[in-house]
Amino acid sequence: MSTTSPATTTISVSGMTCGHCVSAVTEEIEALAGVEAVKVDLNAGGISTVTITSSGDLSPQDLGEAVAEAGYLMVANEA
């Protein structure tokens, strides 16, 4: 029986100011294949940190598009 450990990806997102922003970004990222959990550390009006746990590596392009779909901008990707 083989088990794979979850991958963790941390990104920075600008433009989020409230709980609704957090919900929008979380919903879009959770829709990506393999995403198991999303945790947002909101820094209202600044750069917020989003930590994503997934079953495999996530494409920075896919993450950026998901954040953009929610109406925000991914400004950094730290694998």
N, C-alpha and C. Protein backbone atom coordinates (compact mmCIF):
# COMPACT_ATOMS: atom_id res chain seq x y z
N MET A 1 0.85 -1.19 0.00
CA MET A 1 0.00 0.00 0.00
C MET A 1 0.88 1.24 0.00
N SER A 2 0.74 2.06 -0.99
CA SER A 2 1.56 3.27 -1.06
C SER A 2 0.72 4.49 -0.68
N THR A 3 1.36 5.38 0.01
CA THR A 3 0.69 6.63 0.37
C THR A 3 1.54 7.77 -0.12
N THR A 4 0.88 8.79 -0.58
CA THR A 4 1.60 9.98 -1.01
C THR A 4 1.31 11.08 -0.01
N SER A 5 2.36 11.78 0.36
CA SER A 5 2.15 12.86 1.31
C SER A 5 1.65 14.08 0.54
N PRO A 6 0.78 14.84 1.18
CA PRO A 6 0.22 16.02 0.52
C PRO A 6 1.30 17.06 0.20
N ALA A 7 1.10 17.78 -0.87
CA ALA A 7 1.98 18.89 -1.23
C ALA A 7 1.40 20.17 -0.64
N THR A 8 2.28 21.07 -0.20
CA THR A 8 1.85 22.36 0.32
C THR A 8 2.43 23.45 -0.56
N THR A 9 1.57 24.35 -1.01
CA THR A 9 1.98 25.48 -1.83
C THR A 9 1.53 26.76 -1.14
N THR A 10 2.43 27.75 -1.10
CA THR A 10 2.09 29.03 -0.49
C THR A 10 2.18 30.11 -1.57
N ILE A 11 1.12 30.91 -1.66
CA ILE A 11 1.11 32.01 -2.61
C ILE A 11 0.75 33.30 -1.88
N SER A 12 1.08 34.41 -2.49
CA SER A 12 0.70 35.72 -1.96
C SER A 12 -0.31 36.35 -2.91
N VAL A 13 -1.34 36.95 -2.31
CA VAL A 13 -2.42 37.52 -3.10
C VAL A 13 -2.66 38.95 -2.64
N SER A 14 -2.78 39.87 -3.58
CA SER A 14 -3.06 41.26 -3.23
C SER A 14 -4.50 41.60 -3.53
N GLY A 15 -5.04 42.56 -2.78
CA GLY A 15 -6.36 43.09 -3.06
C GLY A 15 -7.47 42.59 -2.17
N MET A 16 -7.21 41.58 -1.35
CA MET A 16 -8.27 41.07 -0.48
C MET A 16 -8.41 41.97 0.75
N THR A 17 -9.67 42.27 1.11
CA THR A 17 -9.88 43.18 2.24
C THR A 17 -10.84 42.66 3.30
N CYS A 18 -11.54 41.53 3.01
CA CYS A 18 -12.58 41.10 3.96
C CYS A 18 -12.84 39.60 3.84
N GLY A 19 -13.75 39.12 4.66
CA GLY A 19 -14.11 37.71 4.65
C GLY A 19 -14.69 37.25 3.32
N HIS A 20 -15.43 38.13 2.65
CA HIS A 20 -15.98 37.77 1.34
C HIS A 20 -14.86 37.51 0.35
N CYS A 21 -13.82 38.33 0.40
CA CYS A 21 -12.66 38.14 -0.47
C CYS A 21 -12.03 36.77 -0.22
N VAL A 22 -11.86 36.45 1.06
CA VAL A 22 -11.29 35.15 1.44
C VAL A 22 -12.14 34.02 0.89
N SER A 23 -13.46 34.13 1.03
CA SER A 23 -14.38 33.09 0.54
C SER A 23 -14.27 32.94 -0.98
N ALA A 24 -14.20 34.04 -1.69
CA ALA A 24 -14.12 34.00 -3.16
C ALA A 24 -12.85 33.30 -3.62
N VAL A 25 -11.72 33.67 -3.03
CA VAL A 25 -10.44 33.07 -3.41
C VAL A 25 -10.41 31.59 -3.02
N THR A 26 -10.88 31.29 -1.81
CA THR A 26 -10.91 29.90 -1.35
C THR A 26 -11.75 29.02 -2.28
N GLU A 27 -12.92 29.51 -2.66
CA GLU A 27 -13.82 28.75 -3.53
C GLU A 27 -13.18 28.44 -4.87
N GLU A 28 -12.52 29.43 -5.47
CA GLU A 28 -11.90 29.23 -6.78
C GLU A 28 -10.72 28.26 -6.70
N ILE A 29 -9.91 28.37 -5.65
CA ILE A 29 -8.76 27.47 -5.53
C ILE A 29 -9.22 26.05 -5.21
N GLU A 30 -10.25 25.92 -4.36
CA GLU A 30 -10.76 24.58 -4.02
C GLU A 30 -11.32 23.87 -5.25
N ALA A 31 -11.69 24.60 -6.29
CA ALA A 31 -12.23 24.00 -7.50
C ALA A 31 -11.15 23.35 -8.36
N LEU A 32 -9.87 23.63 -8.07
CA LEU A 32 -8.78 23.03 -8.83
C LEU A 32 -8.63 21.55 -8.46
N ALA A 33 -8.29 20.73 -9.44
CA ALA A 33 -8.12 19.29 -9.20
C ALA A 33 -7.01 19.03 -8.19
N GLY A 34 -7.30 18.17 -7.22
CA GLY A 34 -6.30 17.77 -6.24
C GLY A 34 -6.22 18.61 -4.99
N VAL A 35 -6.89 19.75 -4.97
CA VAL A 35 -6.82 20.62 -3.80
C VAL A 35 -7.62 20.00 -2.66
N GLU A 36 -6.97 19.88 -1.50
CA GLU A 36 -7.59 19.28 -0.33
C GLU A 36 -7.98 20.32 0.72
N ALA A 37 -7.20 21.39 0.84
CA ALA A 37 -7.49 22.41 1.85
C ALA A 37 -6.88 23.74 1.42
N VAL A 38 -7.55 24.82 1.82
CA VAL A 38 -7.06 26.18 1.54
C VAL A 38 -7.15 26.97 2.84
N LYS A 39 -6.04 27.61 3.22
CA LYS A 39 -6.02 28.45 4.43
C LYS A 39 -5.53 29.83 4.02
N VAL A 40 -6.32 30.86 4.35
CA VAL A 40 -5.98 32.23 3.99
C VAL A 40 -5.67 33.02 5.25
N ASP A 41 -4.50 33.66 5.27
CA ASP A 41 -4.15 34.61 6.33
C ASP A 41 -4.37 36.00 5.75
N LEU A 42 -5.52 36.57 6.07
CA LEU A 42 -5.92 37.86 5.49
C LEU A 42 -5.10 39.00 6.07
N ASN A 43 -4.54 39.82 5.18
CA ASN A 43 -3.88 41.06 5.55
C ASN A 43 -4.63 42.14 4.77
N ALA A 44 -5.71 42.64 5.38
CA ALA A 44 -6.63 43.55 4.69
C ALA A 44 -5.90 44.72 4.05
N GLY A 45 -6.07 44.86 2.75
CA GLY A 45 -5.47 45.96 2.02
C GLY A 45 -4.02 45.75 1.67
N GLY A 46 -3.43 44.65 2.13
CA GLY A 46 -2.03 44.37 1.82
C GLY A 46 -1.89 43.06 1.07
N ILE A 47 -0.82 42.36 1.35
CA ILE A 47 -0.56 41.07 0.70
C ILE A 47 -0.99 39.96 1.67
N SER A 48 -1.95 39.16 1.25
CA SER A 48 -2.44 38.05 2.06
C SER A 48 -1.72 36.77 1.65
N THR A 49 -1.51 35.88 2.62
CA THR A 49 -0.84 34.61 2.36
C THR A 49 -1.89 33.51 2.26
N VAL A 50 -1.79 32.72 1.20
CA VAL A 50 -2.72 31.61 0.98
C VAL A 50 -1.89 30.33 0.95
N THR A 51 -2.25 29.39 1.83
CA THR A 51 -1.57 28.10 1.89
C THR A 51 -2.52 27.03 1.38
N ILE A 52 -2.06 26.28 0.39
CA ILE A 52 -2.90 25.27 -0.26
C ILE A 52 -2.28 23.90 -0.03
N THR A 53 -3.09 22.96 0.45
CA THR A 53 -2.67 21.57 0.57
C THR A 53 -3.34 20.79 -0.55
N SER A 54 -2.54 20.02 -1.28
CA SER A 54 -3.08 19.29 -2.42
C SER A 54 -2.44 17.91 -2.52
N SER A 55 -3.06 17.07 -3.32
CA SER A 55 -2.55 15.71 -3.49
C SER A 55 -1.36 15.65 -4.44
N GLY A 56 -1.06 16.74 -5.09
CA GLY A 56 0.08 16.82 -6.00
C GLY A 56 0.46 18.26 -6.24
N ASP A 57 1.49 18.44 -7.07
CA ASP A 57 1.93 19.80 -7.37
C ASP A 57 0.86 20.54 -8.18
N LEU A 58 0.73 21.83 -7.88
CA LEU A 58 -0.22 22.68 -8.59
C LEU A 58 0.54 23.62 -9.51
N SER A 59 0.00 23.85 -10.67
CA SER A 59 0.62 24.76 -11.63
C SER A 59 0.45 26.20 -11.17
N PRO A 60 1.55 26.97 -11.15
CA PRO A 60 1.43 28.39 -10.81
C PRO A 60 0.44 29.11 -11.72
N GLN A 61 0.38 28.70 -13.00
CA GLN A 61 -0.56 29.31 -13.94
C GLN A 61 -1.99 29.03 -13.52
N ASP A 62 -2.28 27.77 -13.13
CA ASP A 62 -3.64 27.43 -12.69
C ASP A 62 -4.02 28.20 -11.44
N LEU A 63 -3.08 28.32 -10.51
CA LEU A 63 -3.35 29.08 -9.28
C LEU A 63 -3.61 30.54 -9.60
N GLY A 64 -2.77 31.12 -10.46
CA GLY A 64 -2.94 32.52 -10.84
C GLY A 64 -4.27 32.78 -11.50
N GLU A 65 -4.69 31.84 -12.37
CA GLU A 65 -5.97 31.98 -13.05
C GLU A 65 -7.14 31.85 -12.07
N ALA A 66 -7.02 30.96 -11.09
CA ALA A 66 -8.09 30.79 -10.09
C ALA A 66 -8.23 32.05 -9.25
N VAL A 67 -7.10 32.63 -8.85
CA VAL A 67 -7.12 33.87 -8.06
C VAL A 67 -7.70 35.01 -8.89
N ALA A 68 -7.29 35.08 -10.16
CA ALA A 68 -7.81 36.13 -11.05
C ALA A 68 -9.31 35.97 -11.26
N GLU A 69 -9.79 34.73 -11.36
CA GLU A 69 -11.22 34.47 -11.54
C GLU A 69 -12.01 35.02 -10.35
N ALA A 70 -11.39 34.99 -9.17
CA ALA A 70 -12.03 35.53 -7.97
C ALA A 70 -11.93 37.06 -7.92
N GLY A 71 -11.10 37.64 -8.80
CA GLY A 71 -10.99 39.10 -8.87
C GLY A 71 -9.78 39.68 -8.18
N TYR A 72 -8.77 38.84 -7.93
CA TYR A 72 -7.58 39.31 -7.21
C TYR A 72 -6.32 38.95 -7.99
N LEU A 73 -5.16 39.32 -7.47
CA LEU A 73 -3.91 39.14 -8.18
C LEU A 73 -2.93 38.34 -7.35
N MET A 74 -2.44 37.23 -7.91
CA MET A 74 -1.39 36.46 -7.25
C MET A 74 -0.07 37.18 -7.53
N VAL A 75 0.63 37.58 -6.48
CA VAL A 75 1.84 38.37 -6.66
C VAL A 75 3.12 37.58 -6.43
N ALA A 76 3.03 36.40 -5.82
CA ALA A 76 4.22 35.59 -5.61
C ALA A 76 3.82 34.15 -5.43
N ASN A 77 4.71 33.26 -5.82
CA ASN A 77 4.48 31.84 -5.63
C ASN A 77 5.72 31.25 -4.98
N GLU A 78 5.56 30.74 -3.79
CA GLU A 78 6.67 30.12 -3.07
C GLU A 78 6.34 28.65 -2.88
N ALA A 79 6.97 27.81 -3.67
CA ALA A 79 6.65 26.36 -3.63
C ALA A 79 7.04 25.75 -2.30
